[in-house]
Amino acid sequence: MKPVDIRDGVIEVEASVIAEGLGLALPQFREDMRAGKITTMTERGTDADLGRHRLTFFSKHRRFRLVIDQSGTIIQRSALDFGGAPLPRSVRKPGR
């Protein structure tokens, strides 16, 4: 599997990509996922961004975002890290 795979409208991201983006070791990432400590948000592009998706992953202190095209190719990645402070609510809003 490539890092991001899109089949029948379902987007799958390799766990190691998300773990790295959130600054977590893979075993910790998996444990946090099972415990519901990692949340996600998916947005579909419109107008000039049609065919793109923005995938955002949240942990307690970090936000990791991928922008992908319609084939699943990663075109942009970014992360916000708040160190020991929890993520502010404003960081969890779409489009930010």
PDB file of N, CA and C in Angstrom:
ATOM      1  N   MET A   1       0.846  -1.194   0.000  1.00  0.00           N
ATOM      2  CA  MET A   1       0.000   0.000   0.000  1.00  0.00           C
ATOM      3  C   MET A   1       0.878   1.240   0.000  1.00  0.00           C
ATOM      4  N   LYS A   2       0.472   2.229  -0.779  1.00  0.00           N
ATOM      5  CA  LYS A   2       1.193   3.495  -0.737  1.00  0.00           C
ATOM      6  C   LYS A   2       0.734   4.276   0.496  1.00  0.00           C
ATOM      7  N   PRO A   3       1.393   5.350   0.860  1.00  0.00           N
ATOM      8  CA  PRO A   3       1.057   6.058   2.105  1.00  0.00           C
ATOM      9  C   PRO A   3      -0.420   6.447   2.241  1.00  0.00           C
ATOM     10  N   VAL A   4      -1.046   6.835   1.132  1.00  0.00           N
ATOM     11  CA  VAL A   4      -2.474   7.160   1.149  1.00  0.00           C
ATOM     12  C   VAL A   4      -3.126   6.434  -0.018  1.00  0.00           C
ATOM     13  N   ASP A   5      -4.203   5.726   0.275  1.00  0.00           N
ATOM     14  CA  ASP A   5      -4.897   4.941  -0.742  1.00  0.00           C
ATOM     15  C   ASP A   5      -6.365   5.349  -0.746  1.00  0.00           C
ATOM     16  N   ILE A   6      -6.910   5.576  -1.936  1.00  0.00           N
ATOM     17  CA  ILE A   6      -8.325   5.914  -2.066  1.00  0.00           C
ATOM     18  C   ILE A   6      -8.976   4.843  -2.931  1.00  0.00           C
ATOM     19  N   ARG A   7      -9.980   4.167  -2.357  1.00  0.00           N
ATOM     20  CA  ARG A   7     -10.738   3.145  -3.099  1.00  0.00           C
ATOM     21  C   ARG A   7     -12.205   3.295  -2.775  1.00  0.00           C
ATOM     22  N   ASP A   8     -13.017   3.393  -3.809  1.00  0.00           N
ATOM     23  CA  ASP A   8     -14.470   3.491  -3.651  1.00  0.00           C
ATOM     24  C   ASP A   8     -14.860   4.597  -2.662  1.00  0.00           C
ATOM     25  N   GLY A   9     -14.139   5.720  -2.728  1.00  0.00           N
ATOM     26  CA  GLY A   9     -14.456   6.861  -1.871  1.00  0.00           C
ATOM     27  C   GLY A   9     -13.948   6.749  -0.445  1.00  0.00           C
ATOM     28  N   VAL A  10     -13.262   5.652  -0.124  1.00  0.00           N
ATOM     29  CA  VAL A  10     -12.714   5.454   1.225  1.00  0.00           C
ATOM     30  C   VAL A  10     -11.225   5.796   1.194  1.00  0.00           C
ATOM     31  N   ILE A  11     -10.806   6.648   2.113  1.00  0.00           N
ATOM     32  CA  ILE A  11      -9.404   7.060   2.194  1.00  0.00           C
ATOM     33  C   ILE A  11      -8.739   6.310   3.341  1.00  0.00           C
ATOM     34  N   GLU A  12      -7.624   5.645   3.038  1.00  0.00           N
ATOM     35  CA  GLU A  12      -6.839   4.955   4.056  1.00  0.00           C
ATOM     36  C   GLU A  12      -5.442   5.553   4.069  1.00  0.00           C
ATOM     37  N   VAL A  13      -4.974   5.894   5.269  1.00  0.00           N
ATOM     38  CA  VAL A  13      -3.634   6.459   5.435  1.00  0.00           C
ATOM     39  C   VAL A  13      -2.815   5.471   6.255  1.00  0.00           C
ATOM     40  N   GLU A  14      -1.607   5.200   5.792  1.00  0.00           N
ATOM     41  CA  GLU A  14      -0.709   4.300   6.504  1.00  0.00           C
ATOM     42  C   GLU A  14      -0.468   4.839   7.921  1.00  0.00           C
ATOM     43  N   ALA A  15      -0.599   3.986   8.911  1.00  0.00           N
ATOM     44  CA  ALA A  15      -0.481   4.395  10.316  1.00  0.00           C
ATOM     45  C   ALA A  15       0.847   5.076  10.617  1.00  0.00           C
ATOM     46  N   SER A  16       1.917   4.607   9.992  1.00  0.00           N
ATOM     47  CA  SER A  16       3.237   5.191  10.274  1.00  0.00           C
ATOM     48  C   SER A  16       3.322   6.649   9.828  1.00  0.00           C
ATOM     49  N   VAL A  17       2.604   7.010   8.778  1.00  0.00           N
ATOM     50  CA  VAL A  17       2.592   8.407   8.306  1.00  0.00           C
ATOM     51  C   VAL A  17       1.945   9.302   9.356  1.00  0.00           C
ATOM     52  N   ILE A  18       0.826   8.865   9.896  1.00  0.00           N
ATOM     53  CA  ILE A  18       0.112   9.662  10.907  1.00  0.00           C
ATOM     54  C   ILE A  18       0.912   9.707  12.206  1.00  0.00           C
ATOM     55  N   ALA A  19       1.443   8.571  12.620  1.00  0.00           N
ATOM     56  CA  ALA A  19       2.227   8.519  13.859  1.00  0.00           C
ATOM     57  C   ALA A  19       3.400   9.495  13.784  1.00  0.00           C
ATOM     58  N   GLU A  20       4.111   9.468  12.670  1.00  0.00           N
ATOM     59  CA  GLU A  20       5.248  10.380  12.502  1.00  0.00           C
ATOM     60  C   GLU A  20       4.784  11.833  12.540  1.00  0.00           C
ATOM     61  N   GLY A  21       3.684  12.128  11.853  1.00  0.00           N
ATOM     62  CA  GLY A  21       3.164  13.490  11.825  1.00  0.00           C
ATOM     63  C   GLY A  21       2.732  14.003  13.185  1.00  0.00           C
ATOM     64  N   LEU A  22       2.255  13.082  14.023  1.00  0.00           N
ATOM     65  CA  LEU A  22       1.841  13.465  15.377  1.00  0.00           C
ATOM     66  C   LEU A  22       2.986  13.366  16.383  1.00  0.00           C
ATOM     67  N   GLY A  23       4.174  12.970  15.900  1.00  0.00           N
ATOM     68  CA  GLY A  23       5.333  12.877  16.776  1.00  0.00           C
ATOM     69  C   GLY A  23       5.247  11.730  17.772  1.00  0.00           C
ATOM     70  N   LEU A  24       4.579  10.644  17.366  1.00  0.00           N
ATOM     71  CA  LEU A  24       4.396   9.494  18.249  1.00  0.00           C
ATOM     72  C   LEU A  24       5.079   8.263  17.672  1.00  0.00           C
ATOM     73  N   ALA A  25       5.603   7.412  18.560  1.00  0.00           N
ATOM     74  CA  ALA A  25       6.079   6.104  18.122  1.00  0.00           C
ATOM     75  C   ALA A  25       4.855   5.297  17.684  1.00  0.00           C
ATOM     76  N   LEU A  26       5.029   4.436  16.711  1.00  0.00           N
ATOM     77  CA  LEU A  26       3.906   3.671  16.167  1.00  0.00           C
ATOM     78  C   LEU A  26       3.121   2.905  17.236  1.00  0.00           C
ATOM     79  N   PRO A  27       3.778   2.209  18.177  1.00  0.00           N
ATOM     80  CA  PRO A  27       2.996   1.512  19.211  1.00  0.00           C
ATOM     81  C   PRO A  27       2.153   2.476  20.059  1.00  0.00           C
ATOM     82  N   GLN A  28       2.699   3.642  20.385  1.00  0.00           N
ATOM     83  CA  GLN A  28       1.947   4.628  21.159  1.00  0.00           C
ATOM     84  C   GLN A  28       0.767   5.165  20.356  1.00  0.00           C
ATOM     85  N   PHE A  29       1.006   5.412  19.063  1.00  0.00           N
ATOM     86  CA  PHE A  29      -0.068   5.877  18.187  1.00  0.00           C
ATOM     87  C   PHE A  29      -1.212   4.867  18.157  1.00  0.00           C
ATOM     88  N   ARG A  30      -0.878   3.596  17.988  1.00  0.00           N
ATOM     89  CA  ARG A  30      -1.916   2.553  17.942  1.00  0.00           C
ATOM     90  C   ARG A  30      -2.684   2.481  19.256  1.00  0.00           C
ATOM     91  N   GLU A  31      -1.972   2.584  20.360  1.00  0.00           N
ATOM     92  CA  GLU A  31      -2.619   2.566  21.672  1.00  0.00           C
ATOM     93  C   GLU A  31      -3.550   3.772  21.833  1.00  0.00           C
ATOM     94  N   ASP A  32      -3.078   4.944  21.430  1.00  0.00           N
ATOM     95  CA  ASP A  32      -3.904   6.154  21.527  1.00  0.00           C
ATOM     96  C   ASP A  32      -5.134   6.072  20.612  1.00  0.00           C
ATOM     97  N   MET A  33      -4.976   5.458  19.435  1.00  0.00           N
ATOM     98  CA  MET A  33      -6.120   5.277  18.529  1.00  0.00           C
ATOM     99  C   MET A  33      -7.173   4.398  19.186  1.00  0.00           C
ATOM    100  N   ARG A  34      -6.736   3.283  19.733  1.00  0.00           N
ATOM    101  CA  ARG A  34      -7.683   2.360  20.391  1.00  0.00           C
ATOM    102  C   ARG A  34      -8.381   3.024  21.569  1.00  0.00           C
ATOM    103  N   ALA A  35      -7.682   3.908  22.255  1.00  0.00           N
ATOM    104  CA  ALA A  35      -8.240   4.586  23.428  1.00  0.00           C
ATOM    105  C   ALA A  35      -9.079   5.807  23.046  1.00  0.00           C
ATOM    106  N   GLY A  36      -9.170   6.125  21.757  1.00  0.00           N
ATOM    107  CA  GLY A  36      -9.954   7.279  21.314  1.00  0.00           C
ATOM    108  C   GLY A  36      -9.258   8.605  21.553  1.00  0.00           C
ATOM    109  N   LYS A  37      -7.943   8.594  21.745  1.00  0.00           N
ATOM    110  CA  LYS A  37      -7.196   9.825  22.006  1.00  0.00           C
ATOM    111  C   LYS A  37      -6.751  10.529  20.729  1.00  0.00           C
ATOM    112  N   ILE A  38      -6.876   9.847  19.604  1.00  0.00           N
ATOM    113  CA  ILE A  38      -6.565  10.435  18.304  1.00  0.00           C
ATOM    114  C   ILE A  38      -7.900  10.637  17.588  1.00  0.00           C
ATOM    115  N   THR A  39      -8.140  11.854  17.138  1.00  0.00           N
ATOM    116  CA  THR A  39      -9.367  12.134  16.396  1.00  0.00           C
ATOM    117  C   THR A  39      -8.999  12.656  15.013  1.00  0.00           C
ATOM    118  N   THR A  40      -9.978  12.638  14.111  1.00  0.00           N
ATOM    119  CA  THR A  40      -9.716  13.039  12.734  1.00  0.00           C
ATOM    120  C   THR A  40     -10.835  13.908  12.189  1.00  0.00           C
ATOM    121  N   MET A  41     -10.495  14.613  11.124  1.00  0.00           N
ATOM    122  CA  MET A  41     -11.486  15.398  10.395  1.00  0.00           C
ATOM    123  C   MET A  41     -11.078  15.334   8.919  1.00  0.00           C
ATOM    124  N   THR A  42     -12.053  15.120   8.050  1.00  0.00           N
ATOM    125  CA  THR A  42     -11.793  15.062   6.618  1.00  0.00           C
ATOM    126  C   THR A  42     -12.630  16.123   5.927  1.00  0.00           C
ATOM    127  N   GLU A  43     -11.988  16.849   5.012  1.00  0.00           N
ATOM    128  CA  GLU A  43     -12.694  17.878   4.243  1.00  0.00           C
ATOM    129  C   GLU A  43     -12.436  17.637   2.758  1.00  0.00           C
ATOM    130  N   ARG A  44     -13.467  17.825   1.947  1.00  0.00           N
ATOM    131  CA  ARG A  44     -13.344  17.687   0.499  1.00  0.00           C
ATOM    132  C   ARG A  44     -13.240  19.066  -0.115  1.00  0.00           C
ATOM    133  N   GLY A  45     -12.330  19.180  -1.073  1.00  0.00           N
ATOM    134  CA  GLY A  45     -12.136  20.457  -1.748  1.00  0.00           C
ATOM    135  C   GLY A  45     -13.286  20.797  -2.679  1.00  0.00           C
ATOM    136  N   THR A  46     -13.507  22.079  -2.849  1.00  0.00           N
ATOM    137  CA  THR A  46     -14.509  22.584  -3.793  1.00  0.00           C
ATOM    138  C   THR A  46     -13.843  23.621  -4.687  1.00  0.00           C
ATOM    139  N   ASP A  47     -14.525  23.986  -5.734  1.00  0.00           N
ATOM    140  CA  ASP A  47     -14.053  25.009  -6.669  1.00  0.00           C
ATOM    141  C   ASP A  47     -12.617  24.719  -7.119  1.00  0.00           C
ATOM    142  N   ALA A  48     -11.683  25.606  -6.849  1.00  0.00           N
ATOM    143  CA  ALA A  48     -10.293  25.427  -7.288  1.00  0.00           C
ATOM    144  C   ALA A  48      -9.626  24.214  -6.640  1.00  0.00           C
ATOM    145  N   ASP A  49     -10.147  23.756  -5.513  1.00  0.00           N
ATOM    146  CA  ASP A  49      -9.568  22.609  -4.809  1.00  0.00           C
ATOM    147  C   ASP A  49     -10.324  21.311  -5.070  1.00  0.00           C
ATOM    148  N   LEU A  50     -11.210  21.304  -6.046  1.00  0.00           N
ATOM    149  CA  LEU A  50     -11.978  20.106  -6.371  1.00  0.00           C
ATOM    150  C   LEU A  50     -11.035  18.940  -6.650  1.00  0.00           C
ATOM    151  N   GLY A  51     -11.325  17.791  -6.074  1.00  0.00           N
ATOM    152  CA  GLY A  51     -10.488  16.610  -6.238  1.00  0.00           C
ATOM    153  C   GLY A  51      -9.453  16.447  -5.139  1.00  0.00           C
ATOM    154  N   ARG A  52      -9.332  17.467  -4.304  1.00  0.00           N
ATOM    155  CA  ARG A  52      -8.391  17.387  -3.181  1.00  0.00           C
ATOM    156  C   ARG A  52      -9.143  17.080  -1.896  1.00  0.00           C
ATOM    157  N   HIS A  53      -8.411  16.534  -0.941  1.00  0.00           N
ATOM    158  CA  HIS A  53      -8.947  16.260   0.388  1.00  0.00           C
ATOM    159  C   HIS A  53      -7.955  16.784   1.415  1.00  0.00           C
ATOM    160  N   ARG A  54      -8.480  17.336   2.496  1.00  0.00           N
ATOM    161  CA  ARG A  54      -7.631  17.732   3.624  1.00  0.00           C
ATOM    162  C   ARG A  54      -7.965  16.793   4.774  1.00  0.00           C
ATOM    163  N   LEU A  55      -6.962  16.065   5.223  1.00  0.00           N
ATOM    164  CA  LEU A  55      -7.109  15.084   6.300  1.00  0.00           C
ATOM    165  C   LEU A  55      -6.380  15.632   7.511  1.00  0.00           C
ATOM    166  N   THR A  56      -7.089  15.802   8.609  1.00  0.00           N
ATOM    167  CA  THR A  56      -6.493  16.381   9.803  1.00  0.00           C
ATOM    168  C   THR A  56      -6.606  15.384  10.948  1.00  0.00           C
ATOM    169  N   PHE A  57      -5.505  15.214  11.663  1.00  0.00           N
ATOM    170  CA  PHE A  57      -5.407  14.271  12.775  1.00  0.00           C
ATOM    171  C   PHE A  57      -5.005  15.049  14.023  1.00  0.00           C
ATOM    172  N   PHE A  58      -5.676  14.763  15.121  1.00  0.00           N
ATOM    173  CA  PHE A  58      -5.438  15.487  16.360  1.00  0.00           C
ATOM    174  C   PHE A  58      -5.016  14.534  17.469  1.00  0.00           C
ATOM    175  N   SER A  59      -3.996  14.924  18.203  1.00  0.00           N
ATOM    176  CA  SER A  59      -3.648  14.257  19.457  1.00  0.00           C
ATOM    177  C   SER A  59      -3.811  15.310  20.546  1.00  0.00           C
ATOM    178  N   LYS A  60      -3.432  14.992  21.738  1.00  0.00           N
ATOM    179  CA  LYS A  60      -3.632  15.930  22.844  1.00  0.00           C
ATOM    180  C   LYS A  60      -2.886  17.248  22.630  1.00  0.00           C
ATOM    181  N   HIS A  61      -1.682  17.186  22.063  1.00  0.00           N
ATOM    182  CA  HIS A  61      -0.847  18.372  21.955  1.00  0.00           C
ATOM    183  C   HIS A  61      -0.447  18.742  20.529  1.00  0.00           C
ATOM    184  N   ARG A  62      -0.949  18.009  19.543  1.00  0.00           N
ATOM    185  CA  ARG A  62      -0.469  18.237  18.181  1.00  0.00           C
ATOM    186  C   ARG A  62      -1.579  18.038  17.158  1.00  0.00           C
ATOM    187  N   ARG A  63      -1.507  18.844  16.095  1.00  0.00           N
ATOM    188  CA  ARG A  63      -2.392  18.671  14.938  1.00  0.00           C
ATOM    189  C   ARG A  63      -1.511  18.381  13.730  1.00  0.00           C
ATOM    190  N   PHE A  64      -1.863  17.338  12.987  1.00  0.00           N
ATOM    191  CA  PHE A  64      -1.142  16.959  11.779  1.00  0.00           C
ATOM    192  C   PHE A  64      -2.122  16.970  10.622  1.00  0.00           C
ATOM    193  N   ARG A  65      -1.719  17.591   9.524  1.00  0.00           N
ATOM    194  CA  ARG A  65      -2.629  17.733   8.389  1.00  0.00           C
ATOM    195  C   ARG A  65      -1.946  17.285   7.100  1.00  0.00           C
ATOM    196  N   LEU A  66      -2.713  16.546   6.291  1.00  0.00           N
ATOM    197  CA  LEU A  66      -2.291  16.151   4.951  1.00  0.00           C
ATOM    198  C   LEU A  66      -3.275  16.721   3.949  1.00  0.00           C
ATOM    199  N   VAL A  67      -2.771  17.223   2.848  1.00  0.00           N
ATOM    200  CA  VAL A  67      -3.607  17.572   1.706  1.00  0.00           C
ATOM    201  C   VAL A  67      -3.206  16.599   0.609  1.00  0.00           C
ATOM    202  N   ILE A  68      -4.201  15.908   0.054  1.00  0.00           N
ATOM    203  CA  ILE A  68      -3.945  14.904  -0.977  1.00  0.00           C
ATOM    204  C   ILE A  68      -4.752  15.219  -2.230  1.00  0.00           C
ATOM    205  N   ASP A  69      -4.270  14.718  -3.361  1.00  0.00           N
ATOM    206  CA  ASP A  69      -5.049  14.871  -4.587  1.00  0.00           C
ATOM    207  C   ASP A  69      -5.940  13.648  -4.784  1.00  0.00           C
ATOM    208  N   GLN A  70      -6.651  13.600  -5.890  1.00  0.00           N
ATOM    209  CA  GLN A  70      -7.635  12.536  -6.115  1.00  0.00           C
ATOM    210  C   GLN A  70      -7.015  11.156  -6.264  1.00  0.00           C
ATOM    211  N   SER A  71      -5.703  11.090  -6.519  1.00  0.00           N
ATOM    212  CA  SER A  71      -5.041   9.783  -6.626  1.00  0.00           C
ATOM    213  C   SER A  71      -4.436   9.341  -5.289  1.00  0.00           C
ATOM    214  N   GLY A  72      -4.502  10.206  -4.269  1.00  0.00           N
ATOM    215  CA  GLY A  72      -3.935   9.878  -2.969  1.00  0.00           C
ATOM    216  C   GLY A  72      -2.517  10.383  -2.775  1.00  0.00           C
ATOM    217  N   THR A  73      -2.000  11.104  -3.753  1.00  0.00           N
ATOM    218  CA  THR A  73      -0.659  11.677  -3.631  1.00  0.00           C
ATOM    219  C   THR A  73      -0.680  12.818  -2.615  1.00  0.00           C
ATOM    220  N   ILE A  74       0.261  12.786  -1.693  1.00  0.00           N
ATOM    221  CA  ILE A  74       0.354  13.855  -0.690  1.00  0.00           C
ATOM    222  C   ILE A  74       0.959  15.085  -1.347  1.00  0.00           C
ATOM    223  N   ILE A  75       0.213  16.198  -1.320  1.00  0.00           N
ATOM    224  CA  ILE A  75       0.736  17.440  -1.896  1.00  0.00           C
ATOM    225  C   ILE A  75       1.224  18.408  -0.833  1.00  0.00           C
ATOM    226  N   GLN A  76       0.741  18.222   0.375  1.00  0.00           N
ATOM    227  CA  GLN A  76       1.189  19.107   1.458  1.00  0.00           C
ATOM    228  C   GLN A  76       1.022  18.388   2.789  1.00  0.00           C
ATOM    229  N   ARG A  77       1.944  18.627   3.704  1.00  0.00           N
ATOM    230  CA  ARG A  77       1.812  18.146   5.077  1.00  0.00           C
ATOM    231  C   ARG A  77       2.236  19.280   6.000  1.00  0.00           C
ATOM    232  N   SER A  78       1.562  19.349   7.124  1.00  0.00           N
ATOM    233  CA  SER A  78       1.916  20.376   8.104  1.00  0.00           C
ATOM    234  C   SER A  78       1.547  19.872   9.491  1.00  0.00           C
ATOM    235  N   ALA A  79       2.199  20.440  10.485  1.00  0.00           N
ATOM    236  CA  ALA A  79       1.917  20.055  11.870  1.00  0.00           C
ATOM    237  C   ALA A  79       2.019  21.283  12.762  1.00  0.00           C
ATOM    238  N   LEU A  80       1.165  21.334  13.742  1.00  0.00           N
ATOM    239  CA  LEU A  80       1.228  22.335  14.809  1.00  0.00           C
ATOM    240  C   LEU A  80       1.481  21.579  16.099  1.00  0.00           C
ATOM    241  N   ASP A  81       2.496  21.974  16.824  1.00  0.00           N
ATOM    242  CA  ASP A  81       2.843  21.303  18.071  1.00  0.00           C
ATOM    243  C   ASP A  81       2.772  22.320  19.201  1.00  0.00           C
ATOM    244  N   PHE A  82       1.979  22.023  20.205  1.00  0.00           N
ATOM    245  CA  PHE A  82       1.797  22.928  21.330  1.00  0.00           C
ATOM    246  C   PHE A  82       2.568  22.474  22.562  1.00  0.00           C
ATOM    247  N   GLY A  83       3.574  21.610  22.348  1.00  0.00           N
ATOM    248  CA  GLY A  83       4.412  21.167  23.454  1.00  0.00           C
ATOM    249  C   GLY A  83       3.582  20.519  24.547  1.00  0.00           C
ATOM    250  N   GLY A  84       3.703  21.018  25.767  1.00  0.00           N
ATOM    251  CA  GLY A  84       2.966  20.452  26.889  1.00  0.00           C
ATOM    252  C   GLY A  84       1.559  20.992  27.041  1.00  0.00           C
ATOM    253  N   ALA A  85       1.205  22.011  26.262  1.00  0.00           N
ATOM    254  CA  ALA A  85      -0.129  22.614  26.365  1.00  0.00           C
ATOM    255  C   ALA A  85      -1.115  21.852  25.468  1.00  0.00           C
ATOM    256  N   PRO A  86      -2.361  21.732  25.902  1.00  0.00           N
ATOM    257  CA  PRO A  86      -3.354  21.081  25.039  1.00  0.00           C
ATOM    258  C   PRO A  86      -3.680  21.951  23.833  1.00  0.00           C
ATOM    259  N   LEU A  87      -4.153  21.315  22.771  1.00  0.00           N
ATOM    260  CA  LEU A  87      -4.553  22.064  21.575  1.00  0.00           C
ATOM    261  C   LEU A  87      -5.696  23.010  21.904  1.00  0.00           C
ATOM    262  N   PRO A  88      -5.626  24.262  21.477  1.00  0.00           N
ATOM    263  CA  PRO A  88      -6.760  25.167  21.648  1.00  0.00           C
ATOM    264  C   PRO A  88      -7.927  24.735  20.773  1.00  0.00           C
ATOM    265  N   ARG A  89      -9.126  25.034  21.174  1.00  0.00           N
ATOM    266  CA  ARG A  89     -10.311  24.662  20.383  1.00  0.00           C
ATOM    267  C   ARG A  89     -10.266  25.254  18.972  1.00  0.00           C
ATOM    268  N   SER A  90      -9.714  26.453  18.833  1.00  0.00           N
ATOM    269  CA  SER A  90      -9.673  27.104  17.516  1.00  0.00           C
ATOM    270  C   SER A  90      -8.887  26.286  16.510  1.00  0.00           C
ATOM    271  N   VAL A  91      -7.936  25.469  16.937  1.00  0.00           N
ATOM    272  CA  VAL A  91      -7.134  24.651  16.044  1.00  0.00           C
ATOM    273  C   VAL A  91      -7.952  23.483  15.492  1.00  0.00           C
ATOM    274  N   ARG A  92      -9.028  23.132  16.138  1.00  0.00           N
ATOM    275  CA  ARG A  92      -9.854  21.999  15.715  1.00  0.00           C
ATOM    276  C   ARG A  92     -10.970  22.391  14.748  1.00  0.00           C
ATOM    277  N   LYS A  93     -11.015  23.648  14.346  1.00  0.00           N
ATOM    278  CA  LYS A  93     -12.076  24.092  13.441  1.00  0.00           C
ATOM    279  C   LYS A  93     -11.667  23.843  11.997  1.00  0.00           C
ATOM    280  N   PRO A  94     -12.633  23.485  11.143  1.00  0.00           N
ATOM    281  CA  PRO A  94     -12.337  23.264   9.734  1.00  0.00           C
ATOM    282  C   PRO A  94     -11.715  24.492   9.082  1.00  0.00           C
ATOM    283  N   GLY A  95     -10.823  24.239   8.139  1.00  0.00           N
ATOM    284  CA  GLY A  95     -10.255  25.321   7.345  1.00  0.00           C
ATOM    285  C   GLY A  95      -9.138  26.096   7.991  1.00  0.00           C
ATOM    286  N   ARG A  96      -8.765  25.785   9.201  1.00  0.00           N
ATOM    287  CA  ARG A  96      -7.698  26.539   9.866  1.00  0.00           C
ATOM    288  C   ARG A  96      -6.394  25.805   9.814  1.00  0.00           C
TER     289      ARG A  96
END
